[in-house]
C-alpha cells in the first residue's frame, strides 16, 4: 500500500497536514478531480472547505436547538 500525503502547495498562509481516508474514497475523489481538471491541492482544499461548512452548519443547528429548548423549558 502506498501512503500519500496532502500535495505540496505554494499558496500563501497554508498549513500542510497529513490525515487518513479510506483508499476507495480517495481513488473516487481523485478520479472526479481529474475529470473536473482540478489539481490535487485544489481537491483537498475543496473537501476541507465544504466538509467544514457542513460540519459548522450542523453544529450551529444543534446549538440553536439546544438554546431554544433550554429557553422554553424554563
PDB file of N, CA and C in Angstrom:
ATOM      1  N   UNK A   1       0.837  -1.174   0.000  1.00  0.00           N
ATOM      2  CA  UNK A   1       0.000   0.000   0.000  1.00  0.00           C
ATOM      3  C   UNK A   1       0.887   1.244   0.000  1.00  0.00           C
ATOM      4  N   UNK A   2       0.482   2.237  -0.782  1.00  0.00           N
ATOM      5  CA  UNK A   2       1.216   3.492  -0.853  1.00  0.00           C
ATOM      6  C   UNK A   2       0.565   4.485   0.102  1.00  0.00           C
ATOM      7  N   UNK A   3       1.372   5.138   0.915  1.00  0.00           N
ATOM      8  CA  UNK A   3       0.865   6.161   1.812  1.00  0.00           C
ATOM      9  C   UNK A   3       1.057   7.503   1.129  1.00  0.00           C
ATOM     10  N   UNK A   4      -0.039   8.210   0.939  1.00  0.00           N
ATOM     11  CA  UNK A   4       0.031   9.500   0.273  1.00  0.00           C
ATOM     12  C   UNK A   4      -0.167  10.616   1.290  1.00  0.00           C
ATOM     13  N   UNK A   5       0.358  11.778   0.985  1.00  0.00           N
ATOM     14  CA  UNK A   5       0.174  12.944   1.836  1.00  0.00           C
ATOM     15  C   UNK A   5      -0.442  14.061   1.010  1.00  0.00           C
ATOM     16  N   UNK A   6      -0.914  15.063   1.706  1.00  0.00           N
ATOM     17  CA  UNK A   6      -1.504  16.210   1.033  1.00  0.00           C
ATOM     18  C   UNK A   6      -0.463  16.810   0.097  1.00  0.00           C
ATOM     19  N   UNK A   7      -0.853  17.165  -1.122  1.00  0.00           N
ATOM     20  CA  UNK A   7       0.109  17.689  -2.093  1.00  0.00           C
ATOM     21  C   UNK A   7       0.764  18.979  -1.620  1.00  0.00           C
ATOM     22  N   UNK A   8       1.977  19.196  -2.093  1.00  0.00           N
ATOM     23  CA  UNK A   8       2.677  20.442  -1.809  1.00  0.00           C
ATOM     24  C   UNK A   8       1.920  21.583  -2.474  1.00  0.00           C
ATOM     25  N   UNK A   9       1.975  22.735  -1.869  1.00  0.00           N
ATOM     26  CA  UNK A   9       1.346  23.910  -2.461  1.00  0.00           C
ATOM     27  C   UNK A   9       2.226  25.122  -2.218  1.00  0.00           C
ATOM     28  N   UNK A  10       2.190  26.042  -3.154  1.00  0.00           N
ATOM     29  CA  UNK A  10       2.947  27.274  -2.969  1.00  0.00           C
ATOM     30  C   UNK A  10       2.018  28.409  -2.545  1.00  0.00           C
ATOM     31  N   UNK A  11       0.790  28.062  -2.174  1.00  0.00           N
ATOM     32  CA  UNK A  11      -0.183  29.065  -1.754  1.00  0.00           C
ATOM     33  C   UNK A  11       0.239  29.665  -0.415  1.00  0.00           C
ATOM     34  N   UNK A  12       0.081  30.977  -0.281  1.00  0.00           N
ATOM     35  CA  UNK A  12       0.469  31.628   0.979  1.00  0.00           C
ATOM     36  C   UNK A  12      -0.493  31.274   2.105  1.00  0.00           C
ATOM     37  N   UNK A  13       0.017  31.331   3.309  1.00  0.00           N
ATOM     38  CA  UNK A  13      -0.782  31.123   4.520  1.00  0.00           C
ATOM     39  C   UNK A  13      -1.494  29.780   4.549  1.00  0.00           C
ATOM     40  N   UNK A  14      -0.856  28.747   4.054  1.00  0.00           N
ATOM     41  CA  UNK A  14      -1.422  27.402   4.083  1.00  0.00           C
ATOM     42  C   UNK A  14      -0.594  26.548   5.035  1.00  0.00           C
ATOM     43  N   UNK A  15      -1.250  25.620   5.703  1.00  0.00           N
ATOM     44  CA  UNK A  15      -0.581  24.686   6.596  1.00  0.00           C
ATOM     45  C   UNK A  15      -0.684  23.297   6.000  1.00  0.00           C
ATOM     46  N   UNK A  16       0.428  22.593   5.948  1.00  0.00           N
ATOM     47  CA  UNK A  16       0.448  21.237   5.401  1.00  0.00           C
ATOM     48  C   UNK A  16       0.091  20.270   6.519  1.00  0.00           C
ATOM     49  N   UNK A  17      -0.845  19.355   6.243  1.00  0.00           N
ATOM     50  CA  UNK A  17      -1.268  18.371   7.238  1.00  0.00           C
ATOM     51  C   UNK A  17      -1.280  16.983   6.611  1.00  0.00           C
ATOM     52  N   UNK A  18      -1.337  15.974   7.449  1.00  0.00           N
ATOM     53  CA  UNK A  18      -1.480  14.598   6.980  1.00  0.00           C
ATOM     54  C   UNK A  18      -2.684  13.987   7.680  1.00  0.00           C
ATOM     55  N   UNK A  19      -3.458  13.182   6.954  1.00  0.00           N
ATOM     56  CA  UNK A  19      -4.603  12.504   7.535  1.00  0.00           C
ATOM     57  C   UNK A  19      -4.898  11.260   6.721  1.00  0.00           C
ATOM     58  N   UNK A  20      -5.733  10.394   7.258  1.00  0.00           N
ATOM     59  CA  UNK A  20      -6.051   9.130   6.593  1.00  0.00           C
ATOM     60  C   UNK A  20      -7.506   9.124   6.138  1.00  0.00           C
ATOM     61  N   UNK A  21      -7.724   8.607   4.940  1.00  0.00           N
ATOM     62  CA  UNK A  21      -9.079   8.423   4.404  1.00  0.00           C
ATOM     63  C   UNK A  21      -9.141   7.034   3.791  1.00  0.00           C
ATOM     64  N   UNK A  22     -10.331   6.460   3.658  1.00  0.00           N
ATOM     65  CA  UNK A  22     -10.444   5.156   3.013  1.00  0.00           C
ATOM     66  C   UNK A  22      -9.888   5.208   1.584  1.00  0.00           C
ATOM     67  N   UNK A  23      -9.119   4.200   1.217  1.00  0.00           N
ATOM     68  CA  UNK A  23      -8.459   4.160  -0.086  1.00  0.00           C
ATOM     69  C   UNK A  23      -9.446   4.295  -1.237  1.00  0.00           C
ATOM     70  N   UNK A  24     -10.564   3.583  -1.160  1.00  0.00           N
ATOM     71  CA  UNK A  24     -11.555   3.642  -2.243  1.00  0.00           C
ATOM     72  C   UNK A  24     -12.139   5.046  -2.383  1.00  0.00           C
ATOM     73  N   UNK A  25     -12.364   5.715  -1.263  1.00  0.00           N
ATOM     74  CA  UNK A  25     -12.900   7.077  -1.297  1.00  0.00           C
ATOM     75  C   UNK A  25     -11.905   8.035  -1.942  1.00  0.00           C
ATOM     76  N   UNK A  26     -10.634   7.899  -1.598  1.00  0.00           N
ATOM     77  CA  UNK A  26      -9.600   8.744  -2.194  1.00  0.00           C
ATOM     78  C   UNK A  26      -9.512   8.519  -3.697  1.00  0.00           C
ATOM     79  N   UNK A  27      -9.540   7.262  -4.116  1.00  0.00           N
ATOM     80  CA  UNK A  27      -9.458   6.951  -5.546  1.00  0.00           C
ATOM     81  C   UNK A  27     -10.635   7.562  -6.303  1.00  0.00           C
ATOM     82  N   UNK A  28     -11.822   7.466  -5.726  1.00  0.00           N
ATOM     83  CA  UNK A  28     -13.011   8.039  -6.367  1.00  0.00           C
ATOM     84  C   UNK A  28     -12.906   9.562  -6.447  1.00  0.00           C
ATOM     85  N   UNK A  29     -12.441  10.178  -5.372  1.00  0.00           N
ATOM     86  CA  UNK A  29     -12.287  11.634  -5.350  1.00  0.00           C
ATOM     87  C   UNK A  29     -11.238  12.093  -6.355  1.00  0.00           C
ATOM     88  N   UNK A  30     -10.131  11.367  -6.445  1.00  0.00           N
ATOM     89  CA  UNK A  30      -9.079  11.727  -7.399  1.00  0.00           C
ATOM     90  C   UNK A  30      -9.560  11.579  -8.837  1.00  0.00           C
ATOM     91  N   UNK A  31     -10.354  10.554  -9.111  1.00  0.00           N
ATOM     92  CA  UNK A  31     -10.900  10.376 -10.460  1.00  0.00           C
ATOM     93  C   UNK A  31     -11.845  11.529 -10.809  1.00  0.00           C
ATOM     94  N   UNK A  32     -12.667  11.923  -9.851  1.00  0.00           N
ATOM     95  CA  UNK A  32     -13.572  13.046 -10.072  1.00  0.00           C
ATOM     96  C   UNK A  32     -12.786  14.337 -10.294  1.00  0.00           C
ATOM     97  N   UNK A  33     -11.750  14.541  -9.497  1.00  0.00           N
ATOM     98  CA  UNK A  33     -10.925  15.741  -9.634  1.00  0.00           C
ATOM     99  C   UNK A  33     -10.257  15.792 -11.003  1.00  0.00           C
ATOM    100  N   UNK A  34      -9.750  14.659 -11.446  1.00  0.00           N
ATOM    101  CA  UNK A  34      -9.109  14.605 -12.764  1.00  0.00           C
ATOM    102  C   UNK A  34     -10.113  14.942 -13.862  1.00  0.00           C
ATOM    103  N   UNK A  35     -11.334  14.432 -13.734  1.00  0.00           N
ATOM    104  CA  UNK A  35     -12.373  14.715 -14.728  1.00  0.00           C
ATOM    105  C   UNK A  35     -12.746  16.195 -14.738  1.00  0.00           C
ATOM    106  N   UNK A  36     -12.674  16.839 -13.574  1.00  0.00           N
ATOM    107  CA  UNK A  36     -13.002  18.261 -13.458  1.00  0.00           C
ATOM    108  C   UNK A  36     -11.816  19.159 -13.802  1.00  0.00           C
ATOM    109  N   UNK A  37     -10.628  18.555 -13.921  1.00  0.00           N
ATOM    110  CA  UNK A  37      -9.430  19.340 -14.216  1.00  0.00           C
ATOM    111  C   UNK A  37      -8.819  20.021 -13.000  1.00  0.00           C
ATOM    112  N   UNK A  38      -9.135  19.496 -11.802  1.00  0.00           N
ATOM    113  CA  UNK A  38      -8.591  20.070 -10.576  1.00  0.00           C
ATOM    114  C   UNK A  38      -7.200  19.536 -10.307  1.00  0.00           C
ATOM    115  N   UNK A  39      -6.365  20.356  -9.720  1.00  0.00           N
ATOM    116  CA  UNK A  39      -5.071  19.910  -9.218  1.00  0.00           C
ATOM    117  C   UNK A  39      -5.336  19.198  -7.887  1.00  0.00           C
ATOM    118  N   UNK A  40      -4.446  18.282  -7.483  1.00  0.00           N
ATOM    119  CA  UNK A  40      -4.656  17.578  -6.203  1.00  0.00           C
ATOM    120  C   UNK A  40      -4.841  18.519  -5.012  1.00  0.00           C
ATOM    121  N   UNK A  41      -4.067  19.600  -4.960  1.00  0.00           N
ATOM    122  CA  UNK A  41      -4.202  20.536  -3.841  1.00  0.00           C
ATOM    123  C   UNK A  41      -5.579  21.192  -3.834  1.00  0.00           C
ATOM    124  N   UNK A  42      -6.131  21.468  -5.015  1.00  0.00           N
ATOM    125  CA  UNK A  42      -7.478  22.050  -5.097  1.00  0.00           C
ATOM    126  C   UNK A  42      -8.512  21.082  -4.542  1.00  0.00           C
ATOM    127  N   UNK A  43      -8.368  19.821  -4.884  1.00  0.00           N
ATOM    128  CA  UNK A  43      -9.288  18.794  -4.395  1.00  0.00           C
ATOM    129  C   UNK A  43      -9.313  18.780  -2.871  1.00  0.00           C
ATOM    130  N   UNK A  44      -8.147  18.758  -2.252  1.00  0.00           N
ATOM    131  CA  UNK A  44      -8.067  18.711  -0.795  1.00  0.00           C
ATOM    132  C   UNK A  44      -8.653  19.974  -0.165  1.00  0.00           C
ATOM    133  N   UNK A  45      -8.356  21.133  -0.728  1.00  0.00           N
ATOM    134  CA  UNK A  45      -8.906  22.382  -0.177  1.00  0.00           C
ATOM    135  C   UNK A  45     -10.429  22.402  -0.278  1.00  0.00           C
ATOM    136  N   UNK A  46     -10.955  21.986  -1.423  1.00  0.00           N
ATOM    137  CA  UNK A  46     -12.410  21.970  -1.608  1.00  0.00           C
ATOM    138  C   UNK A  46     -13.063  21.038  -0.594  1.00  0.00           C
ATOM    139  N   UNK A  47     -12.481  19.847  -0.404  1.00  0.00           N
ATOM    140  CA  UNK A  47     -13.046  18.904   0.565  1.00  0.00           C
ATOM    141  C   UNK A  47     -13.025  19.486   1.973  1.00  0.00           C
ATOM    142  N   UNK A  48     -11.929  20.121   2.351  1.00  0.00           N
ATOM    143  CA  UNK A  48     -11.835  20.718   3.678  1.00  0.00           C
ATOM    144  C   UNK A  48     -12.859  21.822   3.842  1.00  0.00           C
ATOM    145  N   UNK A  49     -12.940  22.715   2.854  1.00  0.00           N
ATOM    146  CA  UNK A  49     -13.856  23.852   2.960  1.00  0.00           C
ATOM    147  C   UNK A  49     -15.309  23.394   2.995  1.00  0.00           C
ATOM    148  N   UNK A  50     -15.684  22.517   2.079  1.00  0.00           N
ATOM    149  CA  UNK A  50     -17.068  22.032   2.025  1.00  0.00           C
ATOM    150  C   UNK A  50     -17.396  21.201   3.262  1.00  0.00           C
ATOM    151  N   UNK A  51     -16.480  20.337   3.654  1.00  0.00           N
ATOM    152  CA  UNK A  51     -16.706  19.499   4.828  1.00  0.00           C
ATOM    153  C   UNK A  51     -16.843  20.315   6.097  1.00  0.00           C
ATOM    154  N   UNK A  52     -16.003  21.327   6.237  1.00  0.00           N
ATOM    155  CA  UNK A  52     -16.092  22.181   7.417  1.00  0.00           C
ATOM    156  C   UNK A  52     -17.399  22.959   7.419  1.00  0.00           C
ATOM    157  N   UNK A  53     -17.815  23.440   6.254  1.00  0.00           N
ATOM    158  CA  UNK A  53     -19.073  24.190   6.162  1.00  0.00           C
ATOM    159  C   UNK A  53     -20.251  23.320   6.589  1.00  0.00           C
ATOM    160  N   UNK A  54     -20.280  22.076   6.138  1.00  0.00           N
ATOM    161  CA  UNK A  54     -21.366  21.158   6.512  1.00  0.00           C
ATOM    162  C   UNK A  54     -21.326  20.888   8.015  1.00  0.00           C
ATOM    163  N   UNK A  55     -20.131  20.659   8.549  1.00  0.00           N
ATOM    164  CA  UNK A  55     -19.996  20.403   9.987  1.00  0.00           C
ATOM    165  C   UNK A  55     -20.449  21.619  10.795  1.00  0.00           C
ATOM    166  N   UNK A  56     -19.998  22.803  10.411  1.00  0.00           N
ATOM    167  CA  UNK A  56     -20.354  24.020  11.145  1.00  0.00           C
ATOM    168  C   UNK A  56     -21.862  24.261  11.102  1.00  0.00           C
ATOM    169  N   UNK A  57     -22.464  24.030   9.954  1.00  0.00           N
ATOM    170  CA  UNK A  57     -23.913  24.212   9.832  1.00  0.00           C
ATOM    171  C   UNK A  57     -24.662  23.278  10.781  1.00  0.00           C
ATOM    172  N   UNK A  58     -24.263  22.017  10.804  1.00  0.00           N
ATOM    173  CA  UNK A  58     -24.903  21.059  11.706  1.00  0.00           C
ATOM    174  C   UNK A  58     -24.678  21.410  13.162  1.00  0.00           C
ATOM    175  N   UNK A  59     -23.467  21.830  13.485  1.00  0.00           N
ATOM    176  CA  UNK A  59     -23.135  22.202  14.855  1.00  0.00           C
ATOM    177  C   UNK A  59     -23.944  23.417  15.294  1.00  0.00           C
ATOM    178  N   UNK A  60     -24.047  24.405  14.407  1.00  0.00           N
ATOM    179  CA  UNK A  60     -24.825  25.602  14.734  1.00  0.00           C
ATOM    180  C   UNK A  60     -26.292  25.263  14.954  1.00  0.00           C
ATOM    181  N   UNK A  61     -26.841  24.383  14.127  1.00  0.00           N
ATOM    182  CA  UNK A  61     -28.240  23.986  14.291  1.00  0.00           C
ATOM    183  C   UNK A  61     -28.458  23.310  15.640  1.00  0.00           C
ATOM    184  N   UNK A  62     -27.520  22.438  16.028  1.00  0.00           N
ATOM    185  CA  UNK A  62     -27.648  21.760  17.320  1.00  0.00           C
ATOM    186  C   UNK A  62     -27.589  22.760  18.472  1.00  0.00           C
ATOM    187  N   UNK A  63     -26.677  23.732  18.378  1.00  0.00           N
ATOM    188  CA  UNK A  63     -26.557  24.732  19.444  1.00  0.00           C
ATOM    189  C   UNK A  63     -27.806  25.602  19.540  1.00  0.00           C
ATOM    190  N   UNK A  64     -28.345  25.998  18.394  1.00  0.00           N
ATOM    191  CA  UNK A  64     -29.568  26.807  18.387  1.00  0.00           C
ATOM    192  C   UNK A  64     -30.730  26.011  18.963  1.00  0.00           C
ATOM    193  N   UNK A  65     -30.870  24.761  18.540  1.00  0.00           N
ATOM    194  CA  UNK A  65     -31.949  23.920  19.071  1.00  0.00           C
ATOM    195  C   UNK A  65     -31.823  23.733  20.577  1.00  0.00           C
ATOM    196  N   UNK A  66     -30.607  23.503  21.044  1.00  0.00           N
ATOM    197  CA  UNK A  66     -30.383  23.333  22.483  1.00  0.00           C
ATOM    198  C   UNK A  66     -30.757  24.613  23.224  1.00  0.00           C
ATOM    199  N   UNK A  67     -30.336  25.748  22.683  1.00  0.00           N
ATOM    200  CA  UNK A  67     -30.643  27.034  23.305  1.00  0.00           C
ATOM    201  C   UNK A  67     -32.144  27.276  23.360  1.00  0.00           C
ATOM    202  N   UNK A  68     -32.840  26.968  22.280  1.00  0.00           N
ATOM    203  CA  UNK A  68     -34.296  27.150  22.249  1.00  0.00           C
ATOM    204  C   UNK A  68     -34.997  26.226  23.241  1.00  0.00           C
ATOM    205  N   UNK A  69     -34.541  24.981  23.327  1.00  0.00           N
ATOM    206  CA  UNK A  69     -35.148  24.042  24.280  1.00  0.00           C
ATOM    207  C   UNK A  69     -34.942  24.522  25.715  1.00  0.00           C
ATOM    208  N   UNK A  70     -33.723  25.005  26.009  1.00  0.00           N
ATOM    209  CA  UNK A  70     -33.440  25.496  27.358  1.00  0.00           C
ATOM    210  C   UNK A  70     -34.271  26.736  27.667  1.00  0.00           C
ATOM    211  N   UNK A  71     -34.413  27.614  26.684  1.00  0.00           N
ATOM    212  CA  UNK A  71     -35.170  28.856  26.867  1.00  0.00           C
ATOM    213  C   UNK A  71     -36.650  28.566  27.126  1.00  0.00           C
ATOM    214  N   UNK A  72     -37.213  27.647  26.374  1.00  0.00           N
ATOM    215  CA  UNK A  72     -38.632  27.336  26.511  1.00  0.00           C
ATOM    216  C   UNK A  72     -38.901  26.326  27.625  1.00  0.00           C
ATOM    217  N   UNK A  73     -37.871  25.669  28.075  1.00  0.00           N
ATOM    218  CA  UNK A  73     -38.037  24.694  29.148  1.00  0.00           C
ATOM    219  C   UNK A  73     -38.106  25.342  30.514  1.00  0.00           C
ATOM    220  N   UNK A  74     -37.615  26.565  30.635  1.00  0.00           N
ATOM    221  CA  UNK A  74     -37.602  27.258  31.936  1.00  0.00           C
ATOM    222  C   UNK A  74     -38.821  28.091  32.140  1.00  0.00           C
TER     223      UNK A  74
END
